[in-house]
Amino acid sequence: MLRMLWLVLMAAPLGAQMVAFENVNVIPMDRERVLERQTVVVRNGLIVQVGPAARTKTPSEAVRVSGDGKYLVPGFAEMHGHLPNPDTPPQVTEAVLALYVANGVTTVRGMLGHPNHLDLRHRIAEGKLLGPTLRIAGPAIGGPNVTPEQAASMVREQKAAGYDHIKVQEGLRPETYDALVAAAKAVKIDFVGHVPDRVGLLRALEAGQKSIDHMDNYLDALEHDDSPLRNADPKVRARELALHIDESKIPSLATATRKAGAWVVPTMALWETFNSTESPESLATREELKYVPRQWAEQWKKQKAAMLANANPEAGRRVIEVRRKMLRALNESGVKIIFGTDSPQVFSVPGFSIHREIPIMLASGMTPFQVLASGTRNVAQYFGARDCGTVETGKRADLILLDGNPLSDLSVLAHPAGVMVRGRWMPRGEIRRKLDEIAAMNSR
């Protein structure tokens, strides 16, 4: 019965409802402030009115949502997400998209592309499938065997196919990377993602790579000038590099990033999972794992066990410490931070992963407002979009209703009173029913 109800709801055009959030406290995210006791009216997927509740009339046809004591914020973005491929069962694809929305993630920048994602983006935009607004990469371009000509051709093909950005992957030779950059600039498409080791961070910044994901290659750029690992085997370098870091280089790297205008997607929680000494068995007790297929969880346990078998615990602790210091310096230098978690990935569950990421960003020196901005208004600035990122008239109605003020306590994001995606309102009860359905599906 629940499955049938959900399919009916998904079939309804998104934004078909008119909804009014009454007497709600609005955090518009244009700057750090709270607008108290507002009425926010949504029609046809857009915010059409924001005004003091005492002077703003609720249309008679609107669905009324009480905002008494609650806070309304823009929907969040996952700026390094992975979307299901065609071999994924349809019900799992639907579940992944629903997990994002259930946690208030209303935009996802897909970073491991496949042709079927073009159709997925279209179906969501047309209201045929409930999910976050998608910005998608084509298949990643990486590896030492890709020639400059092939890389340039792939860029042109992906642009013509309608992808939103080019995903740079590890392994590219410098001359191939340069050809990719030239082609991307010629057809006006962003190139984002990893920094190939042989290219290096500074060269990627100089080339104009729009986003550096996972703070990739920052540790390499921090290596001591007299490090004994300069010509070491790559596996040895990966295991031991963090023990040969020169922290005095951190400020100059932060300054170089700011001057280049590059955006940084830290994905802190995942990298801390990679580098922690926590056992696979302990990680597997995380509550949110019931929302992913069992085979995913089992595969993640195997991956983590392999990491531990080849790890240097001291170096792992040092990776975590240096990455936090680097994020602090980037943020304090004015580098543009955008929120991402690299989900689904090793113990990083779509949507729920944002609640693993937020505490680490706070511990790295970011304020609650800066963390919120990284997933809302910064994202709109990144995309050059005028239709999202803030709670204002004319903006897309991607909203999260919260029981408390996230500027005081960001943990309230973990239990939204409701989520709106492109005007489609989902109260807490509906979200709970869908999560229970997903958990039941994965328990079979």
Protein backbone atom coordinates (compact mmCIF):
# COMPACT_ATOMS: atom_id res chain seq x y z
CA MET A 1 0.00 0.00 0.00
CA LEU A 2 2.79 2.43 0.91
CA ARG A 3 4.57 1.58 -2.34
CA MET A 4 1.42 2.40 -4.35
CA LEU A 5 0.93 5.67 -2.45
CA TRP A 6 4.52 6.70 -3.11
CA LEU A 7 4.23 5.98 -6.84
CA VAL A 8 1.06 8.07 -7.03
CA LEU A 9 2.78 10.95 -5.25
CA MET A 10 5.80 10.73 -7.56
CA ALA A 11 3.53 10.78 -10.60
CA ALA A 12 2.01 14.11 -9.51
CA PRO A 13 3.73 17.10 -11.14
CA LEU A 14 6.22 18.69 -8.80
CA GLY A 15 5.15 22.15 -7.69
CA ALA A 16 1.47 21.52 -8.52
CA GLN A 17 0.52 22.42 -4.95
CA MET A 18 0.24 25.93 -3.57
CA VAL A 19 1.73 25.88 -0.10
CA ALA A 20 1.98 28.56 2.57
CA PHE A 21 4.40 28.31 5.48
CA GLU A 22 2.73 30.45 8.13
CA ASN A 23 4.35 32.29 11.04
CA VAL A 24 7.75 30.73 10.30
CA ASN A 25 11.20 32.09 11.09
CA VAL A 26 13.11 32.43 7.82
CA ILE A 27 16.88 32.18 7.45
CA PRO A 28 17.13 33.62 3.93
CA MET A 29 20.91 33.03 3.60
CA ASP A 30 21.48 36.30 1.76
CA ARG A 31 23.43 37.20 4.89
CA GLU A 32 23.51 35.96 8.49
CA ARG A 33 20.12 36.91 9.85
CA VAL A 34 16.71 35.56 10.87
CA LEU A 35 13.43 37.04 9.64
CA GLU A 36 10.96 36.22 12.40
CA ARG A 37 7.28 35.33 11.98
CA GLN A 38 7.03 35.30 8.21
CA THR A 39 4.60 33.77 5.76
CA VAL A 40 6.21 32.17 2.71
CA VAL A 41 3.92 31.32 -0.21
CA VAL A 42 4.92 28.82 -2.89
CA ARG A 43 3.16 28.39 -6.23
CA ASN A 44 4.15 26.38 -9.33
CA GLY A 45 7.47 25.41 -7.80
CA LEU A 46 8.55 28.97 -7.01
CA ILE A 47 8.55 31.19 -3.95
CA VAL A 48 6.03 33.90 -4.82
CA GLN A 49 5.77 35.79 -1.55
CA VAL A 50 7.79 36.31 1.62
CA GLY A 51 6.48 38.76 4.17
CA PRO A 52 5.58 39.39 7.80
CA ALA A 53 2.83 36.98 8.88
CA ALA A 54 0.74 39.80 10.33
CA ARG A 55 0.53 41.51 6.93
CA THR A 56 0.72 38.60 4.47
CA LYS A 57 -2.54 36.88 3.55
CA THR A 58 -2.50 33.16 2.89
CA PRO A 59 -4.34 32.31 -0.36
CA SER A 60 -7.49 30.32 0.34
CA GLU A 61 -6.42 27.47 -1.97
CA ALA A 62 -3.03 27.01 -0.33
CA VAL A 63 -2.02 24.04 1.79
CA ARG A 64 -1.23 25.61 5.15
CA VAL A 65 1.91 24.53 6.99
CA SER A 66 2.32 25.80 10.54
CA GLY A 67 5.72 27.34 11.09
CA ASP A 68 5.17 28.20 14.75
CA GLY A 69 8.57 27.98 16.46
CA LYS A 70 10.14 26.54 13.32
CA TYR A 71 12.81 27.75 10.89
CA LEU A 72 12.82 27.69 7.11
CA VAL A 73 16.12 27.44 5.22
CA PRO A 74 17.07 26.80 1.57
CA GLY A 75 17.50 23.21 0.42
CA PHE A 76 21.00 21.78 0.71
CA ALA A 77 23.33 20.63 -2.07
CA GLU A 78 25.56 17.58 -2.40
CA MET A 79 28.33 18.87 -4.64
CA HIS A 80 30.16 15.56 -5.01
CA GLY A 81 27.55 12.87 -5.42
CA HIS A 82 27.47 9.64 -7.41
CA LEU A 83 24.31 8.66 -9.24
CA PRO A 84 23.14 5.12 -10.02
CA ASN A 85 24.14 3.58 -13.35
CA PRO A 86 21.82 1.59 -15.69
CA ASP A 87 22.66 -1.75 -14.07
CA THR A 88 21.23 -0.51 -10.77
CA PRO A 89 17.70 -1.87 -10.12
CA PRO A 90 15.07 0.89 -10.59
CA GLN A 91 13.88 0.60 -6.99
CA VAL A 92 17.44 1.21 -5.73
CA THR A 93 17.82 4.23 -8.02
CA GLU A 94 14.54 5.63 -6.67
CA ALA A 95 15.71 4.96 -3.12
CA VAL A 96 19.03 6.78 -3.59
CA LEU A 97 17.24 9.85 -4.92
CA ALA A 98 14.69 9.67 -2.11
CA LEU A 99 17.44 9.45 0.53
CA TYR A 100 18.89 12.72 -0.72
CA VAL A 101 15.52 14.48 -0.62
CA ALA A 102 14.58 13.01 2.78
CA ASN A 103 17.63 14.72 4.25
CA GLY A 104 16.94 18.08 2.62
CA VAL A 105 19.41 17.59 -0.24
CA THR A 106 17.59 19.22 -3.15
CA THR A 107 20.53 19.61 -5.57
CA VAL A 108 23.19 17.05 -6.47
CA ARG A 109 26.25 17.64 -8.65
CA GLY A 110 26.88 14.21 -10.13
CA MET A 111 30.60 13.44 -10.36
CA LEU A 112 30.86 10.00 -11.92
CA GLY A 113 28.85 10.29 -15.08
CA HIS A 114 27.08 7.87 -17.37
CA PRO A 115 24.80 8.46 -20.37
CA ASN A 116 21.75 7.28 -18.42
CA HIS A 117 22.17 10.26 -16.10
CA LEU A 118 21.01 12.54 -18.92
CA ASP A 119 17.66 10.73 -18.90
CA LEU A 120 17.59 10.69 -15.10
CA ARG A 121 18.11 14.47 -15.03
CA HIS A 122 15.32 14.94 -17.57
CA ARG A 123 12.83 12.71 -15.78
CA ILE A 124 13.40 14.52 -12.48
CA ALA A 125 13.12 17.94 -14.11
CA GLU A 126 9.87 16.89 -15.81
CA GLY A 127 8.39 15.74 -12.50
CA LYS A 128 8.25 12.10 -13.57
CA LEU A 129 10.60 11.03 -10.79
CA LEU A 130 11.05 12.51 -7.34
CA GLY A 131 14.62 13.57 -6.75
CA PRO A 132 17.02 16.47 -6.34
CA THR A 133 17.83 18.80 -9.22
CA LEU A 134 20.81 17.25 -11.00
CA ARG A 135 23.94 18.82 -12.49
CA ILE A 136 25.84 15.99 -14.09
CA ALA A 137 29.30 15.11 -15.34
CA GLY A 138 30.01 12.85 -18.26
CA PRO A 139 32.19 9.75 -17.86
CA ALA A 140 35.41 10.69 -16.05
CA ILE A 141 38.48 11.46 -18.13
CA GLY A 142 41.55 9.93 -16.54
CA GLY A 143 44.39 7.44 -16.72
CA PRO A 144 47.86 7.54 -18.27
CA ASN A 145 46.79 5.97 -21.57
CA VAL A 146 44.45 8.77 -22.65
CA THR A 147 46.08 10.81 -25.40
CA PRO A 148 45.74 14.59 -25.71
CA GLU A 149 43.65 14.11 -28.85
CA GLN A 150 41.34 11.65 -27.14
CA ALA A 151 40.88 13.91 -24.11
CA ALA A 152 39.99 16.90 -26.30
CA SER A 153 37.56 14.79 -28.32
CA MET A 154 35.87 13.47 -25.17
CA VAL A 155 35.41 17.02 -23.88
CA ARG A 156 33.75 18.12 -27.13
CA GLU A 157 31.53 15.02 -27.22
CA GLN A 158 30.38 15.49 -23.63
CA LYS A 159 29.60 19.14 -24.20
CA ALA A 160 27.54 18.25 -27.28
CA ALA A 161 25.72 15.49 -25.37
CA GLY A 162 24.51 18.01 -22.78
CA TYR A 163 26.58 17.23 -19.71
CA ASP A 164 27.07 20.09 -17.26
CA HIS A 165 30.78 19.66 -16.51
CA ILE A 166 33.86 17.56 -17.21
CA LYS A 167 35.12 15.22 -14.47
CA VAL A 168 38.92 15.17 -14.25
CA GLN A 169 40.19 11.85 -12.94
CA GLU A 170 43.57 10.70 -11.66
CA GLY A 171 46.42 9.54 -13.87
CA LEU A 172 46.37 12.07 -16.70
CA ARG A 173 49.73 13.13 -18.10
CA PRO A 174 50.39 16.90 -18.05
CA GLU A 175 50.14 17.26 -21.83
CA THR A 176 46.81 15.40 -21.83
CA TYR A 177 45.49 17.55 -19.00
CA ASP A 178 46.50 20.67 -20.94
CA ALA A 179 44.61 19.42 -24.01
CA LEU A 180 41.53 18.77 -21.86
CA VAL A 181 41.75 22.28 -20.42
CA ALA A 182 42.10 23.91 -23.83
CA ALA A 183 39.14 21.98 -25.23
CA ALA A 184 36.96 22.73 -22.19
CA LYS A 185 37.68 26.44 -22.45
CA ALA A 186 37.01 26.40 -26.19
CA VAL A 187 33.53 24.88 -25.81
CA LYS A 188 32.84 26.70 -22.52
CA ILE A 189 32.33 23.83 -20.09
CA ASP A 190 33.73 23.63 -16.56
CA PHE A 191 36.39 21.04 -15.72
CA VAL A 192 36.35 19.87 -12.11
CA GLY A 193 37.28 17.08 -9.73
CA HIS A 194 40.64 15.46 -9.07
CA VAL A 195 44.15 16.80 -9.61
CA PRO A 196 46.35 14.24 -11.41
CA ASP A 197 49.60 13.70 -9.51
CA ARG A 198 51.78 14.51 -12.50
CA VAL A 199 49.88 17.76 -13.02
CA GLY A 200 49.99 18.98 -9.44
CA LEU A 201 47.85 21.41 -7.51
CA LEU A 202 49.51 24.65 -8.56
CA ARG A 203 49.33 23.81 -12.25
CA ALA A 204 45.64 22.90 -11.90
CA LEU A 205 44.95 26.21 -10.14
CA GLU A 206 46.81 28.13 -12.85
CA ALA A 207 44.84 26.27 -15.52
CA GLY A 208 41.57 27.47 -14.01
CA GLN A 209 40.16 24.16 -12.77
CA LYS A 210 36.88 25.30 -11.28
CA SER A 211 36.69 22.94 -8.32
CA ILE A 212 39.28 20.91 -6.45
CA ASP A 213 37.39 18.00 -4.92
CA HIS A 214 38.49 16.09 -1.80
CA MET A 215 41.18 18.80 -1.38
CA ASP A 216 42.98 16.56 -3.84
CA ASN A 217 46.76 16.95 -4.10
CA TYR A 218 47.01 19.46 -1.24
CA LEU A 219 48.99 16.96 0.84
CA ASP A 220 51.36 16.40 -2.10
CA ALA A 221 51.83 20.17 -2.38
CA LEU A 222 52.64 20.31 1.34
CA GLU A 223 55.41 17.71 1.11
CA HIS A 224 58.74 18.72 2.64
CA ASP A 225 61.26 19.87 0.05
CA ASP A 226 63.74 17.31 1.39
CA SER A 227 61.19 14.50 1.75
CA PRO A 228 62.66 11.01 1.26
CA LEU A 229 59.49 10.02 -0.61
CA ARG A 230 60.02 12.21 -3.68
CA ASN A 231 60.79 9.24 -5.93
CA ALA A 232 59.23 6.50 -3.85
CA ASP A 233 56.81 3.88 -5.11
CA PRO A 234 53.28 5.36 -5.35
CA LYS A 235 51.92 2.92 -2.78
CA VAL A 236 54.64 3.89 -0.32
CA ARG A 237 53.99 7.57 -0.97
CA ALA A 238 50.27 7.13 -0.38
CA ARG A 239 50.89 5.34 2.91
CA GLU A 240 53.67 7.54 4.32
CA LEU A 241 53.30 10.99 2.73
CA ALA A 242 51.49 12.56 5.66
CA LEU A 243 54.57 11.99 7.84
CA HIS A 244 56.59 14.31 5.62
CA ILE A 245 54.41 17.42 5.59
CA ASP A 246 55.66 20.99 5.88
CA GLU A 247 52.81 22.92 7.51
CA SER A 248 54.55 26.23 6.84
CA LYS A 249 53.34 25.84 3.23
CA ILE A 250 49.67 25.87 4.23
CA PRO A 251 49.16 29.68 4.09
CA SER A 252 50.70 30.03 0.63
CA LEU A 253 48.55 27.21 -0.76
CA ALA A 254 45.43 28.81 0.69
CA THR A 255 46.40 32.15 -0.85
CA ALA A 256 47.11 30.55 -4.22
CA THR A 257 43.69 28.84 -4.17
CA ARG A 258 41.90 32.10 -3.35
CA LYS A 259 43.76 34.04 -6.04
CA ALA A 260 42.93 31.36 -8.62
CA GLY A 261 39.24 31.64 -7.78
CA ALA A 262 38.97 27.88 -7.39
CA TRP A 263 36.19 26.30 -5.36
CA VAL A 264 37.03 23.52 -2.87
CA VAL A 265 34.82 20.53 -2.05
CA PRO A 266 36.44 19.10 1.11
CA THR A 267 34.59 15.72 1.54
CA MET A 268 36.12 15.57 5.02
CA ALA A 269 34.10 12.76 6.62
CA LEU A 270 34.87 10.23 3.91
CA TRP A 271 38.60 10.90 4.05
CA GLU A 272 38.50 10.55 7.82
CA THR A 273 36.75 7.21 7.37
CA PHE A 274 39.51 6.16 4.97
CA ASN A 275 42.26 7.17 7.38
CA SER A 276 40.78 6.26 10.76
CA THR A 277 41.62 3.08 12.65
CA GLU A 278 37.92 2.33 13.21
CA SER A 279 37.15 -1.26 12.29
CA PRO A 280 34.79 -2.27 9.47
CA GLU A 281 32.59 -3.97 12.06
CA SER A 282 32.26 -0.76 14.05
CA LEU A 283 31.51 1.33 10.97
CA ALA A 284 28.90 -1.22 9.92
CA THR A 285 26.86 -0.43 13.04
CA ARG A 286 25.98 3.03 11.73
CA GLU A 287 22.22 3.45 11.83
CA GLU A 288 21.93 4.84 8.30
CA LEU A 289 23.31 1.68 6.69
CA LYS A 290 19.84 0.14 6.82
CA TYR A 291 18.91 2.45 3.97
CA VAL A 292 21.39 0.98 1.47
CA PRO A 293 21.50 -2.52 -0.08
CA ARG A 294 23.23 -5.12 2.05
CA GLN A 295 25.75 -5.86 -0.69
CA TRP A 296 26.88 -2.25 -0.61
CA ALA A 297 27.54 -2.44 3.12
CA GLU A 298 29.39 -5.74 2.73
CA GLN A 299 31.54 -4.31 -0.06
CA TRP A 300 32.33 -1.26 2.06
CA LYS A 301 33.45 -3.52 4.92
CA LYS A 302 35.84 -5.31 2.57
CA GLN A 303 37.20 -2.03 1.23
CA LYS A 304 37.82 -0.67 4.72
CA ALA A 305 39.48 -3.92 5.80
CA ALA A 306 41.85 -3.65 2.83
CA MET A 307 42.65 -0.06 3.77
CA LEU A 308 43.51 -1.06 7.33
CA ALA A 309 45.70 -3.91 6.12
CA ASN A 310 47.87 -1.48 4.16
CA ALA A 311 47.69 1.52 6.48
CA ASN A 312 50.16 3.30 8.72
CA PRO A 313 47.97 4.41 11.66
CA GLU A 314 50.28 7.28 12.56
CA ALA A 315 50.16 8.59 9.00
CA GLY A 316 46.38 8.22 8.97
CA ARG A 317 46.04 10.37 12.08
CA ARG A 318 48.33 12.92 10.49
CA VAL A 319 46.22 13.02 7.30
CA ILE A 320 43.14 13.84 9.36
CA GLU A 321 44.99 16.51 11.35
CA VAL A 322 46.57 18.23 8.31
CA ARG A 323 43.37 18.18 6.25
CA ARG A 324 41.51 19.94 9.06
CA LYS A 325 44.25 22.56 9.30
CA MET A 326 44.19 23.02 5.53
CA LEU A 327 40.40 23.49 5.49
CA ARG A 328 40.67 26.02 8.30
CA ALA A 329 43.30 27.99 6.36
CA LEU A 330 41.32 27.84 3.12
CA ASN A 331 38.19 29.10 4.83
CA GLU A 332 40.01 31.86 6.73
CA SER A 333 41.72 32.96 3.52
CA GLY A 334 38.38 33.50 1.81
CA VAL A 335 38.49 30.45 -0.45
CA LYS A 336 35.05 29.49 -1.71
CA ILE A 337 33.94 26.28 0.00
CA ILE A 338 31.10 24.16 -1.37
CA PHE A 339 29.56 21.22 0.45
CA GLY A 340 30.14 17.64 -0.66
CA THR A 341 30.48 14.16 0.81
CA ASP A 342 31.21 11.78 -2.11
CA SER A 343 28.13 9.65 -1.52
CA PRO A 344 27.36 6.81 -1.96
CA GLN A 345 30.84 5.66 -1.11
CA VAL A 346 32.54 3.71 1.68
CA PHE A 347 30.09 4.12 4.60
CA SER A 348 28.92 7.45 3.11
CA VAL A 349 25.15 7.05 2.71
CA PRO A 350 23.32 9.47 0.38
CA GLY A 351 21.72 12.33 2.28
CA PHE A 352 22.68 11.03 5.71
CA SER A 353 26.32 11.72 4.90
CA ILE A 354 25.77 15.47 5.32
CA HIS A 355 25.30 14.89 9.03
CA ARG A 356 28.73 13.21 9.19
CA GLU A 357 30.36 16.07 7.29
CA ILE A 358 28.94 19.02 9.22
CA PRO A 359 30.58 18.36 12.64
CA ILE A 360 34.02 18.05 10.99
CA MET A 361 33.57 21.33 9.13
CA LEU A 362 32.66 22.98 12.43
CA ALA A 363 35.67 21.40 14.15
CA SER A 364 37.83 22.80 11.32
CA GLY A 365 36.89 26.34 12.22
CA MET A 366 33.85 27.05 10.06
CA THR A 367 30.88 28.80 11.66
CA PRO A 368 27.34 27.40 11.40
CA PHE A 369 26.48 30.14 8.91
CA GLN A 370 29.53 29.32 6.78
CA VAL A 371 28.60 25.64 6.76
CA LEU A 372 25.03 26.47 5.73
CA ALA A 373 26.32 28.84 3.06
CA SER A 374 28.58 26.12 1.63
CA GLY A 375 25.49 24.06 0.80
CA THR A 376 23.13 26.85 -0.23
CA ARG A 377 24.07 30.31 -1.44
CA ASN A 378 27.67 29.35 -2.31
CA VAL A 379 26.26 26.65 -4.57
CA ALA A 380 24.11 29.18 -6.41
CA GLN A 381 27.16 31.39 -6.86
CA TYR A 382 29.18 28.43 -8.11
CA PHE A 383 26.58 27.64 -10.77
CA GLY A 384 25.96 31.30 -11.57
CA ALA A 385 22.31 30.53 -10.85
CA ARG A 386 19.75 33.12 -9.83
CA ASP A 387 16.97 30.66 -9.06
CA CYS A 388 18.27 28.90 -5.94
CA GLY A 389 20.39 29.14 -2.81
CA THR A 390 18.32 31.65 -0.80
CA VAL A 391 14.76 32.07 0.47
CA GLU A 392 13.51 34.96 -1.64
CA THR A 393 10.65 35.76 -3.97
CA GLY A 394 11.27 34.28 -7.41
CA LYS A 395 13.60 31.52 -6.21
CA ARG A 396 12.99 27.83 -6.77
CA ALA A 397 11.04 26.38 -3.86
CA ASP A 398 13.72 24.07 -2.46
CA LEU A 399 13.27 24.39 1.29
CA ILE A 400 13.86 22.64 4.61
CA LEU A 401 11.58 23.20 7.61
CA LEU A 402 13.40 22.73 10.92
CA ASP A 403 12.35 22.47 14.56
CA GLY A 404 15.19 24.73 15.75
CA ASN A 405 17.59 27.43 14.65
CA PRO A 406 20.51 25.89 12.69
CA LEU A 407 22.57 29.03 13.25
CA SER A 408 22.67 27.94 16.90
CA ASP A 409 22.71 24.18 16.43
CA LEU A 410 23.26 22.55 13.04
CA SER A 411 22.23 19.14 14.38
CA VAL A 412 18.60 20.16 13.82
CA LEU A 413 19.21 19.46 10.11
CA ALA A 414 19.26 15.73 10.91
CA HIS A 415 15.54 15.65 11.73
CA PRO A 416 13.67 18.00 9.37
CA ALA A 417 10.03 18.76 10.01
CA GLY A 418 9.60 18.62 6.26
CA VAL A 419 11.32 19.13 2.94
CA MET A 420 10.16 20.89 -0.21
CA VAL A 421 11.79 20.09 -3.55
CA ARG A 422 10.81 22.28 -6.52
CA GLY A 423 7.53 23.12 -4.80
CA ARG A 424 6.63 19.56 -3.81
CA TRP A 425 5.98 19.51 -0.03
CA MET A 426 6.91 16.42 1.98
CA PRO A 427 6.04 16.64 5.69
CA ARG A 428 7.91 14.65 8.31
CA GLY A 429 5.40 11.80 8.36
CA GLU A 430 5.71 11.19 4.64
CA ILE A 431 9.50 11.27 4.84
CA ARG A 432 9.41 8.78 7.69
CA ARG A 433 7.13 6.41 5.77
CA LYS A 434 9.43 6.47 2.75
CA LEU A 435 12.54 5.83 4.85
CA ASP A 436 10.78 2.90 6.55
CA GLU A 437 9.87 1.50 3.13
CA ILE A 438 13.49 1.76 1.94
CA ALA A 439 14.75 0.08 5.12
CA ALA A 440 12.24 -2.75 4.70
CA MET A 441 13.27 -3.23 1.07
CA ASN A 442 16.94 -3.56 2.07
CA SER A 443 16.21 -5.96 4.91
CA ARG A 444 14.82 -8.60 2.58
